[in-house]
């Protein structure tokens, strides 16, 4: 289904890798809800930084 341009498409659940974010961005997602994969990390800040840096490099 096509989402109107004035709506924000949010990808939720099951996102843990830069490939996950890239796949969702390619189909139109511009926001991502990432929870459990970060909460399982001993250093949440480092995990967020790593995910975003790897996504930017992709």
C-alpha atoms as a PDB file:
ATOM      1  CA  UNK A   1       0.000   0.000   0.000  1.00  0.00           C
ATOM      2  CA  UNK A   2       1.092   3.527  -0.681  1.00  0.00           C
ATOM      3  CA  UNK A   3       1.397   5.876   2.251  1.00  0.00           C
ATOM      4  CA  UNK A   4       0.491   9.538   1.641  1.00  0.00           C
ATOM      5  CA  UNK A   5       3.546  11.820   1.471  1.00  0.00           C
ATOM      6  CA  UNK A   6       2.344  13.855   4.470  1.00  0.00           C
ATOM      7  CA  UNK A   7       2.544  10.791   6.759  1.00  0.00           C
ATOM      8  CA  UNK A   8       5.527   9.433   8.642  1.00  0.00           C
ATOM      9  CA  UNK A   9       6.126   5.759   8.005  1.00  0.00           C
ATOM     10  CA  UNK A  10       7.537   4.131  11.145  1.00  0.00           C
ATOM     11  CA  UNK A  11       9.246   0.735  11.050  1.00  0.00           C
ATOM     12  CA  UNK A  12       8.608  -1.094  14.319  1.00  0.00           C
ATOM     13  CA  UNK A  13       9.951  -4.252  15.922  1.00  0.00           C
ATOM     14  CA  UNK A  14      12.628  -6.681  14.893  1.00  0.00           C
ATOM     15  CA  UNK A  15      15.176  -4.027  13.931  1.00  0.00           C
ATOM     16  CA  UNK A  16      18.700  -4.767  15.111  1.00  0.00           C
ATOM     17  CA  UNK A  17      21.189  -4.273  12.293  1.00  0.00           C
ATOM     18  CA  UNK A  18      22.130  -1.575   9.793  1.00  0.00           C
ATOM     19  CA  UNK A  19      20.769  -3.890   7.072  1.00  0.00           C
ATOM     20  CA  UNK A  20      17.379  -3.908   8.830  1.00  0.00           C
ATOM     21  CA  UNK A  21      17.271  -0.103   8.850  1.00  0.00           C
ATOM     22  CA  UNK A  22      18.420   0.150   5.254  1.00  0.00           C
ATOM     23  CA  UNK A  23      15.796  -2.352   4.114  1.00  0.00           C
ATOM     24  CA  UNK A  24      13.045  -0.393   5.857  1.00  0.00           C
ATOM     25  CA  UNK A  25      14.341   2.952   4.556  1.00  0.00           C
ATOM     26  CA  UNK A  26      14.296   1.581   1.021  1.00  0.00           C
ATOM     27  CA  UNK A  27      10.570   0.886   1.304  1.00  0.00           C
ATOM     28  CA  UNK A  28       9.823   4.339   2.686  1.00  0.00           C
ATOM     29  CA  UNK A  29      10.335   4.271   6.449  1.00  0.00           C
ATOM     30  CA  UNK A  30      11.757   7.496   7.834  1.00  0.00           C
ATOM     31  CA  UNK A  31      11.491   6.624  11.526  1.00  0.00           C
ATOM     32  CA  UNK A  32      12.486   3.484  13.404  1.00  0.00           C
ATOM     33  CA  UNK A  33      11.335   2.085  16.735  1.00  0.00           C
ATOM     34  CA  UNK A  34      14.185   0.059  18.189  1.00  0.00           C
ATOM     35  CA  UNK A  35      13.860  -1.170  21.735  1.00  0.00           C
ATOM     36  CA  UNK A  36      14.711  -4.701  22.740  1.00  0.00           C
ATOM     37  CA  UNK A  37      17.887  -4.990  20.688  1.00  0.00           C
ATOM     38  CA  UNK A  38      19.283  -1.924  22.483  1.00  0.00           C
ATOM     39  CA  UNK A  39      18.039  -2.914  25.922  1.00  0.00           C
ATOM     40  CA  UNK A  40      19.898  -6.234  25.673  1.00  0.00           C
ATOM     41  CA  UNK A  41      23.221  -4.420  25.206  1.00  0.00           C
ATOM     42  CA  UNK A  42      25.518  -3.714  28.168  1.00  0.00           C
ATOM     43  CA  UNK A  43      26.267  -0.234  26.757  1.00  0.00           C
ATOM     44  CA  UNK A  44      23.130   1.170  25.105  1.00  0.00           C
ATOM     45  CA  UNK A  45      24.793   4.413  24.021  1.00  0.00           C
ATOM     46  CA  UNK A  46      27.598   2.534  22.259  1.00  0.00           C
ATOM     47  CA  UNK A  47      25.089   0.207  20.582  1.00  0.00           C
ATOM     48  CA  UNK A  48      23.073   3.152  19.223  1.00  0.00           C
ATOM     49  CA  UNK A  49      26.204   4.900  18.008  1.00  0.00           C
ATOM     50  CA  UNK A  50      27.484   1.737  16.330  1.00  0.00           C
ATOM     51  CA  UNK A  51      24.186   1.058  14.573  1.00  0.00           C
ATOM     52  CA  UNK A  52      23.900   4.611  13.243  1.00  0.00           C
ATOM     53  CA  UNK A  53      27.538   4.844  12.176  1.00  0.00           C
ATOM     54  CA  UNK A  54      27.288   1.581  10.263  1.00  0.00           C
ATOM     55  CA  UNK A  55      24.016   2.682   8.651  1.00  0.00           C
ATOM     56  CA  UNK A  56      25.567   5.988   7.550  1.00  0.00           C
ATOM     57  CA  UNK A  57      28.486   4.121   5.993  1.00  0.00           C
ATOM     58  CA  UNK A  58      26.160   1.794   4.057  1.00  0.00           C
END
